[in-house]
Amino acid sequence: VCSAVRKSVEATIFTHLYPNSQIVIYPQVLQADGGLLAACLNATTMALIDAGIPMRDFLVACTTGFIDGTPLMDTNSIEDAAGGPELPLAMLY
């Protein structure tokens, strides 16, 4: 999860404004009920906005799934455990 968050967020931050700096992000999961990657991406984006870090766009994410022939958005842990395909989607907004 951390490497996916890092790769996604690095593409949005104006790193050239911080040439000799390091921005450290540690998503801490207190409770997981599905959609972990999407929740970490959204929380990281909100933290960067709150910290005033300049970004190209806002990164928003949601997890989708397909269970028993039914497409689902924002799957929870029960739906994740059902074993269908899962696709986390993230886009710049």
Foldseek 3Di string as FASTA:
>chain_A
DVVVLVVVVVQWFPCVVPVPDDDDDDDDDPDAFDPVVQVSNQVVQVVCVVVVGHTNFGKHKWKWWAAPNDIGIRHTNVVVVRPTDMDIDIDGD
